[in-house]
Structures are given as C-alpha cells and as structure tokens.
C-alpha cells in the first residue's frame, strides 16, 4: 500500500469515525490492511447509507469534495483503487448514483462513467 492510499484511508476514517472499530477488526482478521476490502466492506456501506438518507448534507459535500481531489490526483494506484471500489459500488444502484451525482465534481463523474464503461454497464 502506498502513501496516498494510507492517506485516503485515514481521511475516510476522519469522515466516518464510526467505522474505526470495523477498520481495526478488518486489519486484525486479515493480518494486514486490505484497501479494497476496507473501502468496499466498511466505508462504502456508510456512504451508501448517507446517500440513501441524504440527511447529513455537509458531510456528503465534504466527502465528495475530497473524492474530487482523489479523482484529480496523479497517483495511478490511488485512482485505480478509488475507481474499482468507490465508483463501481456507487454505480451498482442507479438511484444512489443519481443522488451521488448531485455531490460529484466533474472529474469524479468522468471517472465514474469510465468505471461503468469498464464493467460494461454503459
């Protein structure tokens, strides 16, 4: 795992402190930090819940502002992990994706479309 990925996980924990116990348990269970497992199984259910309830608008705006920064980052590993976890999962449910798109920046939308295309969704 590279420095950018470590930073991504740390920032996501800052946004979603309730995920800390599950994050630590995942590391204990697997004996290492598995980025995709943590993002898919721990962070994304929380983000999907936030999007489905659409109550904590400030948190959603902050998370998606950060996602736009990640989408514009030059680190290929981070962008790849982000695309195959966060963006693919957002595309799994069209209504959730529609809500998410209200908060997405231009580059995040572009990467999400590319993720859908790579999966053959569009």
Protein backbone atom coordinates (compact mmCIF):
# COMPACT_ATOMS: atom_id res chain seq x y z
CA UNK A 1 0.00 0.00 0.00
CA UNK A 2 1.41 3.38 -0.91
CA UNK A 3 1.42 6.66 0.99
CA UNK A 4 -1.54 8.10 -0.95
CA UNK A 5 -3.67 5.05 -0.15
CA UNK A 6 -2.76 5.30 3.53
CA UNK A 7 -3.76 8.96 3.45
CA UNK A 8 -7.06 8.08 1.73
CA UNK A 9 -7.95 5.54 4.43
CA UNK A 10 -7.01 7.96 7.20
CA UNK A 11 -9.12 10.75 5.72
CA UNK A 12 -12.07 8.38 5.24
CA UNK A 13 -11.80 7.45 8.93
CA UNK A 14 -11.85 11.15 9.76
CA UNK A 15 -15.10 11.48 7.78
CA UNK A 16 -16.56 8.24 9.17
CA UNK A 17 -15.20 7.77 12.71
CA UNK A 18 -17.94 5.20 13.43
CA UNK A 19 -16.08 2.87 11.03
CA UNK A 20 -12.95 2.79 13.20
CA UNK A 21 -13.80 -0.44 15.07
CA UNK A 22 -14.64 -2.31 11.84
CA UNK A 23 -11.45 -0.91 10.26
CA UNK A 24 -9.31 -2.23 13.12
CA UNK A 25 -11.14 -5.57 13.12
CA UNK A 26 -10.50 -5.98 9.38
CA UNK A 27 -6.77 -5.46 9.92
CA UNK A 28 -6.79 -7.93 12.83
CA UNK A 29 -8.79 -10.51 10.85
CA UNK A 30 -6.62 -10.35 7.73
CA UNK A 31 -3.31 -9.52 9.37
CA UNK A 32 -2.84 -6.55 7.07
CA UNK A 33 -4.60 -3.55 5.56
CA UNK A 34 -6.55 -4.74 2.53
CA UNK A 35 -7.52 -1.49 0.85
CA UNK A 36 -10.29 -2.79 -1.35
CA UNK A 37 -11.86 -4.84 1.46
CA UNK A 38 -11.85 -1.86 3.82
CA UNK A 39 -13.28 0.53 1.23
CA UNK A 40 -15.90 -1.91 -0.10
CA UNK A 41 -17.00 -3.51 3.17
CA UNK A 42 -16.54 -0.73 5.69
CA UNK A 43 -16.59 2.73 4.11
CA UNK A 44 -18.96 2.26 1.18
CA UNK A 45 -21.91 0.88 3.18
CA UNK A 46 -21.66 4.01 5.34
CA UNK A 47 -21.53 6.28 2.30
CA UNK A 48 -24.44 4.45 0.66
CA UNK A 49 -26.43 4.91 3.87
CA UNK A 50 -25.61 8.62 3.93
CA UNK A 51 -26.70 8.94 0.30
CA UNK A 52 -29.92 6.98 0.80
CA UNK A 53 -30.91 9.09 3.82
CA UNK A 54 -29.48 12.32 2.40
CA UNK A 55 -29.68 13.97 5.79
CA UNK A 56 -26.09 14.90 6.56
CA UNK A 57 -25.59 17.14 3.52
CA UNK A 58 -22.48 18.85 4.90
CA UNK A 59 -20.73 15.51 5.40
CA UNK A 60 -21.74 14.33 1.92
CA UNK A 61 -20.46 17.56 0.39
CA UNK A 62 -17.16 17.19 2.26
CA UNK A 63 -16.72 13.55 1.27
CA UNK A 64 -17.45 14.22 -2.39
CA UNK A 65 -15.23 17.30 -2.41
CA UNK A 66 -12.45 15.01 -1.23
CA UNK A 67 -13.44 12.42 -3.86
CA UNK A 68 -12.96 15.12 -6.49
CA UNK A 69 -9.44 15.74 -5.14
CA UNK A 70 -8.74 11.99 -5.38
CA UNK A 71 -10.16 11.93 -8.92
CA UNK A 72 -7.71 14.67 -9.91
CA UNK A 73 -4.74 13.10 -8.11
CA UNK A 74 -1.79 12.00 -10.22
CA UNK A 75 -1.27 8.80 -8.19
CA UNK A 76 -2.35 5.98 -10.53
CA UNK A 77 -2.67 3.38 -7.75
CA UNK A 78 -4.97 5.59 -5.66
CA UNK A 79 -7.15 6.47 -8.65
CA UNK A 80 -7.38 2.82 -9.66
CA UNK A 81 -8.36 1.67 -6.16
CA UNK A 82 -10.87 4.54 -5.94
CA UNK A 83 -12.40 3.63 -9.32
CA UNK A 84 -12.71 -0.11 -8.71
CA UNK A 85 -14.17 0.32 -5.24
CA UNK A 86 -15.97 3.61 -4.61
CA UNK A 87 -17.08 4.42 -8.14
CA UNK A 88 -18.08 0.89 -9.14
CA UNK A 89 -20.13 0.50 -5.96
CA UNK A 90 -21.87 3.84 -6.50
CA UNK A 91 -22.84 2.60 -9.96
CA UNK A 92 -24.44 -0.57 -8.57
CA UNK A 93 -27.64 1.28 -7.70
CA UNK A 94 -28.88 3.87 -10.18
CA UNK A 95 -30.92 5.79 -7.59
CA UNK A 96 -27.93 6.01 -5.23
CA UNK A 97 -25.75 7.06 -8.16
CA UNK A 98 -28.27 9.76 -9.07
CA UNK A 99 -28.08 11.15 -5.54
CA UNK A 100 -24.28 10.89 -5.52
CA UNK A 101 -24.03 12.78 -8.80
CA UNK A 102 -25.53 15.84 -7.11
CA UNK A 103 -22.38 15.98 -4.99
CA UNK A 104 -19.79 14.78 -7.52
CA UNK A 105 -17.35 17.07 -9.21
CA UNK A 106 -16.63 16.97 -12.94
CA UNK A 107 -13.65 14.62 -12.77
CA UNK A 108 -15.40 12.24 -10.36
CA UNK A 109 -18.37 12.00 -12.73
CA UNK A 110 -16.00 11.32 -15.62
CA UNK A 111 -14.19 8.55 -13.69
CA UNK A 112 -17.50 7.02 -12.61
CA UNK A 113 -18.67 6.85 -16.23
CA UNK A 114 -15.34 5.22 -17.15
CA UNK A 115 -15.83 2.68 -14.32
CA UNK A 116 -19.32 1.86 -15.62
CA UNK A 117 -17.97 1.54 -19.14
CA UNK A 118 -15.19 -0.80 -17.96
CA UNK A 119 -17.83 -3.03 -16.35
CA UNK A 120 -19.97 -2.99 -19.48
CA UNK A 121 -22.81 -1.13 -17.76
CA UNK A 122 -22.89 1.52 -20.47
